PDB file of N, CA and C in Angstrom:
ATOM      1  N   UNK A   1     -34.483 309.447 103.880  1.00  0.00           N
ATOM      2  CA  UNK A   1     -33.399 308.687 104.446  1.00  0.00           C
ATOM      3  C   UNK A   1     -33.922 307.374 104.984  1.00  0.00           C
ATOM      4  N   UNK A   2     -33.060 306.380 104.951  1.00  0.00           N
ATOM      5  CA  UNK A   2     -33.442 305.069 105.443  1.00  0.00           C
ATOM      6  C   UNK A   2     -33.004 304.841 106.878  1.00  0.00           C
ATOM      7  N   UNK A   3     -33.355 303.694 107.388  1.00  0.00           N
ATOM      8  CA  UNK A   3     -33.043 303.333 108.763  1.00  0.00           C
ATOM      9  C   UNK A   3     -31.534 303.313 108.995  1.00  0.00           C
ATOM     10  N   UNK A   4     -30.768 302.824 108.043  1.00  0.00           N
ATOM     11  CA  UNK A   4     -29.308 302.762 108.195  1.00  0.00           C
ATOM     12  C   UNK A   4     -28.717 304.161 108.361  1.00  0.00           C
ATOM     13  N   UNK A   5     -29.161 305.089 107.547  1.00  0.00           N
ATOM     14  CA  UNK A   5     -28.676 306.474 107.641  1.00  0.00           C
ATOM     15  C   UNK A   5     -29.138 307.116 108.950  1.00  0.00           C
ATOM     16  N   UNK A   6     -30.352 306.836 109.356  1.00  0.00           N
ATOM     17  CA  UNK A   6     -30.859 307.365 110.624  1.00  0.00           C
ATOM     18  C   UNK A   6     -30.016 306.853 111.788  1.00  0.00           C
ATOM     19  N   UNK A   7     -29.683 305.561 111.766  1.00  0.00           N
ATOM     20  CA  UNK A   7     -28.861 304.973 112.835  1.00  0.00           C
ATOM     21  C   UNK A   7     -27.486 305.631 112.885  1.00  0.00           C
ATOM     22  N   UNK A   8     -26.912 305.928 111.732  1.00  0.00           N
ATOM     23  CA  UNK A   8     -25.602 306.591 111.683  1.00  0.00           C
ATOM     24  C   UNK A   8     -25.674 307.972 112.326  1.00  0.00           C
ATOM     25  N   UNK A   9     -26.730 308.691 112.057  1.00  0.00           N
ATOM     26  CA  UNK A   9     -26.896 310.030 112.635  1.00  0.00           C
ATOM     27  C   UNK A   9     -27.110 309.963 114.144  1.00  0.00           C
ATOM     28  N   UNK A  10     -27.884 308.977 114.593  1.00  0.00           N
ATOM     29  CA  UNK A  10     -28.111 308.815 116.020  1.00  0.00           C
ATOM     30  C   UNK A  10     -26.812 308.429 116.726  1.00  0.00           C
ATOM     31  N   UNK A  11     -26.037 307.523 116.112  1.00  0.00           N
ATOM     32  CA  UNK A  11     -24.770 307.098 116.701  1.00  0.00           C
ATOM     33  C   UNK A  11     -23.798 308.268 116.838  1.00  0.00           C
ATOM     34  N   UNK A  12     -23.904 309.269 115.988  1.00  0.00           N
ATOM     35  CA  UNK A  12     -23.017 310.425 116.074  1.00  0.00           C
ATOM     36  C   UNK A  12     -23.180 311.134 117.409  1.00  0.00           C
ATOM     37  N   UNK A  13     -24.345 311.050 118.005  1.00  0.00           N
ATOM     38  CA  UNK A  13     -24.593 311.708 119.288  1.00  0.00           C
ATOM     39  C   UNK A  13     -24.571 310.736 120.469  1.00  0.00           C
ATOM     40  N   UNK A  14     -24.148 309.506 120.233  1.00  0.00           N
ATOM     41  CA  UNK A  14     -24.188 308.506 121.299  1.00  0.00           C
ATOM     42  C   UNK A  14     -22.905 308.459 122.130  1.00  0.00           C
ATOM     43  N   UNK A  15     -22.042 309.444 121.963  1.00  0.00           N
ATOM     44  CA  UNK A  15     -20.779 309.494 122.694  1.00  0.00           C
ATOM     45  C   UNK A  15     -20.748 310.765 123.537  1.00  0.00           C
ATOM     46  N   UNK A  16     -20.317 310.651 124.794  1.00  0.00           N
ATOM     47  CA  UNK A  16     -20.351 311.821 125.674  1.00  0.00           C
ATOM     48  C   UNK A  16     -19.419 312.930 125.208  1.00  0.00           C
ATOM     49  N   UNK A  17     -18.311 312.604 124.559  1.00  0.00           N
ATOM     50  CA  UNK A  17     -17.423 313.659 124.043  1.00  0.00           C
ATOM     51  C   UNK A  17     -18.107 314.432 122.926  1.00  0.00           C
ATOM     52  N   UNK A  18     -18.822 313.718 122.060  1.00  0.00           N
ATOM     53  CA  UNK A  18     -19.518 314.402 120.964  1.00  0.00           C
ATOM     54  C   UNK A  18     -20.677 315.237 121.486  1.00  0.00           C
ATOM     55  N   UNK A  19     -21.344 314.760 122.533  1.00  0.00           N
ATOM     56  CA  UNK A  19     -22.396 315.576 123.149  1.00  0.00           C
ATOM     57  C   UNK A  19     -21.795 316.839 123.759  1.00  0.00           C
ATOM     58  N   UNK A  20     -20.632 316.710 124.382  1.00  0.00           N
ATOM     59  CA  UNK A  20     -19.958 317.885 124.958  1.00  0.00           C
ATOM     60  C   UNK A  20     -19.571 318.869 123.859  1.00  0.00           C
ATOM     61  N   UNK A  21     -19.145 318.367 122.715  1.00  0.00           N
ATOM     62  CA  UNK A  21     -18.803 319.236 121.579  1.00  0.00           C
ATOM     63  C   UNK A  21     -20.052 319.980 121.113  1.00  0.00           C
ATOM     64  N   UNK A  22     -21.172 319.275 120.993  1.00  0.00           N
ATOM     65  CA  UNK A  22     -22.414 319.919 120.555  1.00  0.00           C
ATOM     66  C   UNK A  22     -22.817 321.015 121.546  1.00  0.00           C
ATOM     67  N   UNK A  23     -22.676 320.752 122.849  1.00  0.00           N
ATOM     68  CA  UNK A  23     -22.991 321.773 123.848  1.00  0.00           C
ATOM     69  C   UNK A  23     -22.061 322.980 123.710  1.00  0.00           C
ATOM     70  N   UNK A  24     -20.795 322.723 123.435  1.00  0.00           N
ATOM     71  CA  UNK A  24     -19.825 323.816 123.280  1.00  0.00           C
ATOM     72  C   UNK A  24     -20.134 324.669 122.052  1.00  0.00           C
ATOM     73  N   UNK A  25     -20.741 324.063 121.040  1.00  0.00           N
ATOM     74  CA  UNK A  25     -21.044 324.791 119.800  1.00  0.00           C
ATOM     75  C   UNK A  25     -22.404 325.484 119.824  1.00  0.00           C
ATOM     76  N   UNK A  26     -23.179 325.294 120.883  1.00  0.00           N
ATOM     77  CA  UNK A  26     -24.524 325.891 120.950  1.00  0.00           C
ATOM     78  C   UNK A  26     -24.517 327.405 120.814  1.00  0.00           C
ATOM     79  N   UNK A  27     -23.450 328.034 121.257  1.00  0.00           N
ATOM     80  CA  UNK A  27     -23.407 329.497 121.260  1.00  0.00           C
ATOM     81  C   UNK A  27     -22.706 330.067 120.037  1.00  0.00           C
ATOM     82  N   UNK A  28     -22.447 329.222 119.050  1.00  0.00           N
ATOM     83  CA  UNK A  28     -21.869 329.714 117.812  1.00  0.00           C
ATOM     84  C   UNK A  28     -20.592 328.998 117.411  1.00  0.00           C
ATOM     85  N   UNK A  29     -20.064 329.442 116.317  1.00  0.00           N
ATOM     86  CA  UNK A  29     -18.885 328.853 115.684  1.00  0.00           C
ATOM     87  C   UNK A  29     -17.662 328.922 116.605  1.00  0.00           C
ATOM     88  N   UNK A  30     -16.888 327.837 116.605  1.00  0.00           N
ATOM     89  CA  UNK A  30     -15.666 327.799 117.409  1.00  0.00           C
ATOM     90  C   UNK A  30     -14.535 327.155 116.630  1.00  0.00           C
ATOM     91  N   UNK A  31     -13.357 327.632 116.916  1.00  0.00           N
ATOM     92  CA  UNK A  31     -12.135 327.101 116.328  1.00  0.00           C
ATOM     93  C   UNK A  31     -11.800 325.767 117.004  1.00  0.00           C
ATOM     94  N   UNK A  32     -11.160 324.881 116.258  1.00  0.00           N
ATOM     95  CA  UNK A  32     -10.745 323.595 116.807  1.00  0.00           C
ATOM     96  C   UNK A  32      -9.870 323.787 118.038  1.00  0.00           C
ATOM     97  N   UNK A  33      -8.978 324.769 118.007  1.00  0.00           N
ATOM     98  CA  UNK A  33      -8.086 324.999 119.156  1.00  0.00           C
ATOM     99  C   UNK A  33      -8.879 325.389 120.394  1.00  0.00           C
ATOM    100  N   UNK A  34      -9.932 326.148 120.237  1.00  0.00           N
ATOM    101  CA  UNK A  34     -10.786 326.533 121.363  1.00  0.00           C
ATOM    102  C   UNK A  34     -11.506 325.313 121.924  1.00  0.00           C
ATOM    103  N   UNK A  35     -12.025 324.468 121.041  1.00  0.00           N
ATOM    104  CA  UNK A  35     -12.715 323.254 121.487  1.00  0.00           C
ATOM    105  C   UNK A  35     -11.765 322.336 122.251  1.00  0.00           C
ATOM    106  N   UNK A  36     -10.536 322.176 121.759  1.00  0.00           N
ATOM    107  CA  UNK A  36      -9.564 321.320 122.445  1.00  0.00           C
ATOM    108  C   UNK A  36      -9.301 321.832 123.856  1.00  0.00           C
ATOM    109  N   UNK A  37      -9.147 323.146 123.987  1.00  0.00           N
ATOM    110  CA  UNK A  37      -8.876 323.742 125.294  1.00  0.00           C
ATOM    111  C   UNK A  37     -10.077 323.599 126.214  1.00  0.00           C
ATOM    112  N   UNK A  38     -11.272 323.943 125.731  1.00  0.00           N
ATOM    113  CA  UNK A  38     -12.479 323.876 126.553  1.00  0.00           C
ATOM    114  C   UNK A  38     -12.781 322.462 127.030  1.00  0.00           C
ATOM    115  N   UNK A  39     -12.555 321.483 126.146  1.00  0.00           N
ATOM    116  CA  UNK A  39     -12.924 320.103 126.461  1.00  0.00           C
ATOM    117  C   UNK A  39     -11.772 319.289 127.030  1.00  0.00           C
ATOM    118  N   UNK A  40     -10.567 319.838 126.986  1.00  0.00           N
ATOM    119  CA  UNK A  40      -9.402 319.132 127.512  1.00  0.00           C
ATOM    120  C   UNK A  40      -9.074 317.868 126.739  1.00  0.00           C
ATOM    121  N   UNK A  41      -9.174 317.949 125.407  1.00  0.00           N
ATOM    122  CA  UNK A  41      -8.880 316.782 124.567  1.00  0.00           C
ATOM    123  C   UNK A  41      -7.769 317.127 123.582  1.00  0.00           C
ATOM    124  N   UNK A  42      -7.140 316.097 123.043  1.00  0.00           N
ATOM    125  CA  UNK A  42      -6.041 316.283 122.101  1.00  0.00           C
ATOM    126  C   UNK A  42      -6.564 316.524 120.688  1.00  0.00           C
ATOM    127  N   UNK A  43      -5.689 316.982 119.826  1.00  0.00           N
ATOM    128  CA  UNK A  43      -6.066 317.247 118.431  1.00  0.00           C
ATOM    129  C   UNK A  43      -6.531 315.977 117.720  1.00  0.00           C
ATOM    130  N   UNK A  44      -5.825 314.833 117.868  1.00  0.00           N
ATOM    131  CA  UNK A  44      -6.321 313.618 117.203  1.00  0.00           C
ATOM    132  C   UNK A  44      -7.706 313.184 117.700  1.00  0.00           C
ATOM    133  N   UNK A  45      -7.938 313.347 119.001  1.00  0.00           N
ATOM    134  CA  UNK A  45      -9.245 312.978 119.558  1.00  0.00           C
ATOM    135  C   UNK A  45     -10.330 313.894 119.018  1.00  0.00           C
ATOM    136  N   UNK A  46     -10.054 315.203 118.987  1.00  0.00           N
ATOM    137  CA  UNK A  46     -11.031 316.144 118.437  1.00  0.00           C
ATOM    138  C   UNK A  46     -11.299 315.829 116.970  1.00  0.00           C
ATOM    139  N   UNK A  47     -10.254 315.575 116.202  1.00  0.00           N
ATOM    140  CA  UNK A  47     -10.422 315.269 114.773  1.00  0.00           C
ATOM    141  C   UNK A  47     -11.313 314.049 114.572  1.00  0.00           C
ATOM    142  N   UNK A  48     -11.110 313.024 115.387  1.00  0.00           N
ATOM    143  CA  UNK A  48     -11.929 311.804 115.294  1.00  0.00           C
ATOM    144  C   UNK A  48     -13.406 312.137 115.508  1.00  0.00           C
ATOM    145  N   UNK A  49     -13.692 312.850 116.591  1.00  0.00           N
ATOM    146  CA  UNK A  49     -15.086 313.175 116.906  1.00  0.00           C
ATOM    147  C   UNK A  49     -15.699 314.145 115.892  1.00  0.00           C
ATOM    148  N   UNK A  50     -14.919 315.111 115.424  1.00  0.00           N
ATOM    149  CA  UNK A  50     -15.450 316.074 114.459  1.00  0.00           C
ATOM    150  C   UNK A  50     -15.739 315.406 113.118  1.00  0.00           C
ATOM    151  N   UNK A  51     -14.927 314.422 112.735  1.00  0.00           N
ATOM    152  CA  UNK A  51     -15.195 313.702 111.484  1.00  0.00           C
ATOM    153  C   UNK A  51     -16.554 313.015 111.566  1.00  0.00           C
ATOM    154  N   UNK A  52     -16.845 312.386 112.691  1.00  0.00           N
ATOM    155  CA  UNK A  52     -18.122 311.698 112.865  1.00  0.00           C
ATOM    156  C   UNK A  52     -19.278 312.697 112.860  1.00  0.00           C
ATOM    157  N   UNK A  53     -19.121 313.804 113.583  1.00  0.00           N
ATOM    158  CA  UNK A  53     -20.189 314.809 113.630  1.00  0.00           C
ATOM    159  C   UNK A  53     -20.393 315.474 112.271  1.00  0.00           C
ATOM    160  N   UNK A  54     -19.308 315.762 111.572  1.00  0.00           N
ATOM    161  CA  UNK A  54     -19.434 316.383 110.247  1.00  0.00           C
ATOM    162  C   UNK A  54     -20.036 315.403 109.238  1.00  0.00           C
ATOM    163  N   UNK A  55     -19.616 314.129 109.293  1.00  0.00           N
ATOM    164  CA  UNK A  55     -20.180 313.121 108.392  1.00  0.00           C
ATOM    165  C   UNK A  55     -21.671 312.941 108.617  1.00  0.00           C
ATOM    166  N   UNK A  56     -22.123 313.141 109.861  1.00  0.00           N
ATOM    167  CA  UNK A  56     -23.553 313.005 110.160  1.00  0.00           C
ATOM    168  C   UNK A  56     -24.340 314.201 109.642  1.00  0.00           C
ATOM    169  N   UNK A  57     -23.634 315.304 109.349  1.00  0.00           N
ATOM    170  CA  UNK A  57     -24.295 316.518 108.888  1.00  0.00           C
ATOM    171  C   UNK A  57     -24.699 317.463 110.003  1.00  0.00           C
ATOM    172  N   UNK A  58     -24.567 317.023 111.257  1.00  0.00           N
ATOM    173  CA  UNK A  58     -24.994 317.854 112.379  1.00  0.00           C
ATOM    174  C   UNK A  58     -24.060 319.035 112.621  1.00  0.00           C
ATOM    175  N   UNK A  59     -22.810 318.902 112.207  1.00  0.00           N
ATOM    176  CA  UNK A  59     -21.818 319.959 112.380  1.00  0.00           C
ATOM    177  C   UNK A  59     -21.211 320.288 111.025  1.00  0.00           C
ATOM    178  N   UNK A  60     -20.973 321.571 110.808  1.00  0.00           N
ATOM    179  CA  UNK A  60     -20.325 322.046 109.584  1.00  0.00           C
ATOM    180  C   UNK A  60     -18.930 322.542 109.932  1.00  0.00           C
ATOM    181  N   UNK A  61     -18.003 322.372 109.005  1.00  0.00           N
ATOM    182  CA  UNK A  61     -16.636 322.860 109.189  1.00  0.00           C
ATOM    183  C   UNK A  61     -16.280 323.780 108.034  1.00  0.00           C
ATOM    184  N   UNK A  62     -15.509 324.812 108.361  1.00  0.00           N
ATOM    185  CA  UNK A  62     -14.999 325.678 107.299  1.00  0.00           C
ATOM    186  C   UNK A  62     -13.584 326.102 107.659  1.00  0.00           C
ATOM    187  N   UNK A  63     -12.758 326.216 106.632  1.00  0.00           N
ATOM    188  CA  UNK A  63     -11.381 326.633 106.840  1.00  0.00           C
ATOM    189  C   UNK A  63     -11.304 328.145 106.741  1.00  0.00           C
ATOM    190  N   UNK A  64     -10.513 328.722 107.637  1.00  0.00           N
ATOM    191  CA  UNK A  64     -10.237 330.151 107.625  1.00  0.00           C
ATOM    192  C   UNK A  64      -8.725 330.278 107.808  1.00  0.00           C
ATOM    193  N   UNK A  65      -8.011 330.312 106.686  1.00  0.00           N
ATOM    194  CA  UNK A  65      -6.559 330.285 106.744  1.00  0.00           C
ATOM    195  C   UNK A  65      -6.108 328.931 107.249  1.00  0.00           C
ATOM    196  N   UNK A  66      -5.309 328.926 108.310  1.00  0.00           N
ATOM    197  CA  UNK A  66      -4.846 327.651 108.860  1.00  0.00           C
ATOM    198  C   UNK A  66      -5.796 327.085 109.912  1.00  0.00           C
ATOM    199  N   UNK A  67      -6.854 327.808 110.235  1.00  0.00           N
ATOM    200  CA  UNK A  67      -7.795 327.392 111.264  1.00  0.00           C
ATOM    201  C   UNK A  67      -8.991 326.666 110.670  1.00  0.00           C
ATOM    202  N   UNK A  68      -9.549 325.748 111.442  1.00  0.00           N
ATOM    203  CA  UNK A  68     -10.806 325.096 111.078  1.00  0.00           C
ATOM    204  C   UNK A  68     -11.833 325.534 112.111  1.00  0.00           C
ATOM    205  N   UNK A  69     -12.929 326.078 111.609  1.00  0.00           N
ATOM    206  CA  UNK A  69     -14.012 326.558 112.470  1.00  0.00           C
ATOM    207  C   UNK A  69     -15.217 325.636 112.317  1.00  0.00           C
ATOM    208  N   UNK A  70     -15.814 325.294 113.443  1.00  0.00           N
ATOM    209  CA  UNK A  70     -16.944 324.366 113.465  1.00  0.00           C
ATOM    210  C   UNK A  70     -18.193 325.073 113.976  1.00  0.00           C
ATOM    211  N   UNK A  71     -19.332 324.653 113.443  1.00  0.00           N
ATOM    212  CA  UNK A  71     -20.614 325.183 113.916  1.00  0.00           C
ATOM    213  C   UNK A  71     -21.692 324.123 113.727  1.00  0.00           C
ATOM    214  N   UNK A  72     -22.756 324.279 114.485  1.00  0.00           N
ATOM    215  CA  UNK A  72     -23.897 323.376 114.352  1.00  0.00           C
ATOM    216  C   UNK A  72     -24.652 323.749 113.088  1.00  0.00           C
ATOM    217  N   UNK A  73     -25.042 322.749 112.327  1.00  0.00           N
ATOM    218  CA  UNK A  73     -25.819 322.958 111.109  1.00  0.00           C
ATOM    219  C   UNK A  73     -27.302 323.044 111.481  1.00  0.00           C
ATOM    220  N   UNK A  74     -27.856 324.234 111.430  1.00  0.00           N
ATOM    221  CA  UNK A  74     -29.251 324.435 111.820  1.00  0.00           C
ATOM    222  C   UNK A  74     -30.211 323.592 110.982  1.00  0.00           C
ATOM    223  N   UNK A  75     -29.970 323.517 109.690  1.00  0.00           N
ATOM    224  CA  UNK A  75     -30.851 322.748 108.806  1.00  0.00           C
ATOM    225  C   UNK A  75     -30.814 321.263 109.148  1.00  0.00           C
ATOM    226  N   UNK A  76     -29.615 320.727 109.363  1.00  0.00           N
ATOM    227  CA  UNK A  76     -29.493 319.303 109.671  1.00  0.00           C
ATOM    228  C   UNK A  76     -30.017 318.963 111.061  1.00  0.00           C
ATOM    229  N   UNK A  77     -29.843 319.862 112.024  1.00  0.00           N
ATOM    230  CA  UNK A  77     -30.376 319.562 113.358  1.00  0.00           C
ATOM    231  C   UNK A  77     -31.902 319.595 113.349  1.00  0.00           C
ATOM    232  N   UNK A  78     -32.487 320.457 112.547  1.00  0.00           N
ATOM    233  CA  UNK A  78     -33.953 320.463 112.413  1.00  0.00           C
ATOM    234  C   UNK A  78     -34.415 319.155 111.786  1.00  0.00           C
ATOM    235  N   UNK A  79     -33.688 318.694 110.780  1.00  0.00           N
ATOM    236  CA  UNK A  79     -33.994 317.423 110.133  1.00  0.00           C
ATOM    237  C   UNK A  79     -33.832 316.264 111.121  1.00  0.00           C
ATOM    238  N   UNK A  80     -32.801 316.340 111.973  1.00  0.00           N
ATOM    239  CA  UNK A  80     -32.555 315.311 112.983  1.00  0.00           C
ATOM    240  C   UNK A  80     -33.712 315.243 113.981  1.00  0.00           C
ATOM    241  N   UNK A  81     -34.163 316.417 114.446  1.00  0.00           N
ATOM    242  CA  UNK A  81     -35.300 316.446 115.386  1.00  0.00           C
ATOM    243  C   UNK A  81     -36.550 315.833 114.748  1.00  0.00           C
ATOM    244  N   UNK A  82     -36.775 316.135 113.501  1.00  0.00           N
ATOM    245  CA  UNK A  82     -37.923 315.586 112.791  1.00  0.00           C
ATOM    246  C   UNK A  82     -37.802 314.063 112.655  1.00  0.00           C
ATOM    247  N   UNK A  83     -36.586 313.605 112.365  1.00  0.00           N
ATOM    248  CA  UNK A  83     -36.348 312.166 112.235  1.00  0.00           C
ATOM    249  C   UNK A  83     -36.614 311.461 113.559  1.00  0.00           C
ATOM    250  N   UNK A  84     -36.112 312.020 114.663  1.00  0.00           N
ATOM    251  CA  UNK A  84     -36.335 311.421 115.980  1.00  0.00           C
ATOM    252  C   UNK A  84     -37.832 311.390 116.280  1.00  0.00           C
ATOM    253  N   UNK A  85     -38.532 312.457 115.972  1.00  0.00           N
ATOM    254  CA  UNK A  85     -39.979 312.519 116.214  1.00  0.00           C
ATOM    255  C   UNK A  85     -40.705 311.423 115.439  1.00  0.00           C
ATOM    256  N   UNK A  86     -40.232 311.117 114.227  1.00  0.00           N
ATOM    257  CA  UNK A  86     -40.902 310.086 113.437  1.00  0.00           C
ATOM    258  C   UNK A  86     -40.775 308.709 114.077  1.00  0.00           C
ATOM    259  N   UNK A  87     -39.710 308.475 114.841  1.00  0.00           N
ATOM    260  CA  UNK A  87     -39.528 307.188 115.511  1.00  0.00           C
ATOM    261  C   UNK A  87     -40.234 307.129 116.861  1.00  0.00           C
ATOM    262  N   UNK A  88     -40.511 308.270 117.445  1.00  0.00           N
ATOM    263  CA  UNK A  88     -41.081 308.266 118.789  1.00  0.00           C
ATOM    264  C   UNK A  88     -42.571 308.567 118.818  1.00  0.00           C
ATOM    265  N   UNK A  89     -43.132 308.887 117.686  1.00  0.00           N
ATOM    266  CA  UNK A  89     -44.563 309.192 117.621  1.00  0.00           C
ATOM    267  C   UNK A  89     -45.352 307.895 117.549  1.00  0.00           C
ATOM    268  N   UNK A  90     -46.308 307.752 118.448  1.00  0.00           N
ATOM    269  CA  UNK A  90     -47.180 306.579 118.440  1.00  0.00           C
ATOM    270  C   UNK A  90     -48.119 306.659 117.252  1.00  0.00           C
ATOM    271  N   UNK A  91     -48.528 305.522 116.740  1.00  0.00           N
ATOM    272  CA  UNK A  91     -49.445 305.509 115.594  1.00  0.00           C
ATOM    273  C   UNK A  91     -50.730 306.256 115.906  1.00  0.00           C
ATOM    274  N   UNK A  92     -51.187 306.193 117.140  1.00  0.00           N
ATOM    275  CA  UNK A  92     -52.425 306.897 117.496  1.00  0.00           C
ATOM    276  C   UNK A  92     -52.222 308.402 117.393  1.00  0.00           C
ATOM    277  N   UNK A  93     -51.013 308.883 117.695  1.00  0.00           N
ATOM    278  CA  UNK A  93     -50.725 310.309 117.547  1.00  0.00           C
ATOM    279  C   UNK A  93     -50.688 310.668 116.075  1.00  0.00           C
ATOM    280  N   UNK A  94     -50.046 309.830 115.282  1.00  0.00           N
ATOM    281  CA  UNK A  94     -49.909 310.097 113.853  1.00  0.00           C
ATOM    282  C   UNK A  94     -51.273 310.145 113.181  1.00  0.00           C
ATOM    283  N   UNK A  95     -52.193 309.288 113.636  1.00  0.00           N
ATOM    284  CA  UNK A  95     -53.521 309.235 113.036  1.00  0.00           C
ATOM    285  C   UNK A  95     -54.457 310.278 113.632  1.00  0.00           C
ATOM    286  N   UNK A  96     -54.006 310.919 114.699  1.00  0.00           N
ATOM    287  CA  UNK A  96     -54.836 311.929 115.331  1.00  0.00           C
ATOM    288  C   UNK A  96     -55.857 311.353 116.281  1.00  0.00           C
ATOM    289  N   UNK A  97     -55.745 310.054 116.580  1.00  0.00           N
ATOM    290  CA  UNK A  97     -56.683 309.409 117.502  1.00  0.00           C
ATOM    291  C   UNK A  97     -56.211 309.593 118.925  1.00  0.00           C
ATOM    292  N   UNK A  98     -57.110 309.807 119.823  1.00  0.00           N
ATOM    293  CA  UNK A  98     -56.756 310.003 121.218  1.00  0.00           C
ATOM    294  C   UNK A  98     -57.158 308.834 122.086  1.00  0.00           C
ATOM    295  N   UNK A  99     -57.605 307.736 121.482  1.00  0.00           N
ATOM    296  CA  UNK A  99     -58.113 306.598 122.247  1.00  0.00           C
ATOM    297  C   UNK A  99     -57.021 305.683 122.733  1.00  0.00           C
ATOM    298  N   UNK A 100     -57.474 304.601 123.348  1.00  0.00           N
ATOM    299  CA  UNK A 100     -56.558 303.608 123.880  1.00  0.00           C
ATOM    300  C   UNK A 100     -55.968 302.785 122.748  1.00  0.00           C
ATOM    301  N   UNK A 101     -54.747 302.247 123.038  1.00  0.00           N
ATOM    302  CA  UNK A 101     -54.124 301.367 122.049  1.00  0.00           C
ATOM    303  C   UNK A 101     -54.822 300.011 122.105  1.00  0.00           C
ATOM    304  N   UNK A 102     -54.831 299.327 120.964  1.00  0.00           N
ATOM    305  CA  UNK A 102     -55.396 297.976 120.919  1.00  0.00           C
ATOM    306  C   UNK A 102     -54.446 297.010 121.576  1.00  0.00           C
ATOM    307  N   UNK A 103     -54.974 296.071 122.366  1.00  0.00           N
ATOM    308  CA  UNK A 103     -54.129 295.080 123.045  1.00  0.00           C
ATOM    309  C   UNK A 103     -54.047 293.827 122.238  1.00  0.00           C
TER     310      UNK A 103
END
């Protein structure tokens, strides 16, 4: 993935409502109606945030009759953690050097 795609994934978590949704999904799959009630948000607001989270790959959606159930995508969140680590790792860590950085 490139920098543009990485930025899109990071932006998916840059909103407090989306972070609250991710916290609500930590314990497993939830119906949209449950998320709306728990978070005190409307259906259009939930749909907006879920579209962004699903487009980022961090959340998966599946239909069960008339219900939409959401869950965290374990594979994509592992990929996200790895991506974040690649941006936050110092070159000295990547090279395995423990010395001082050059000034």
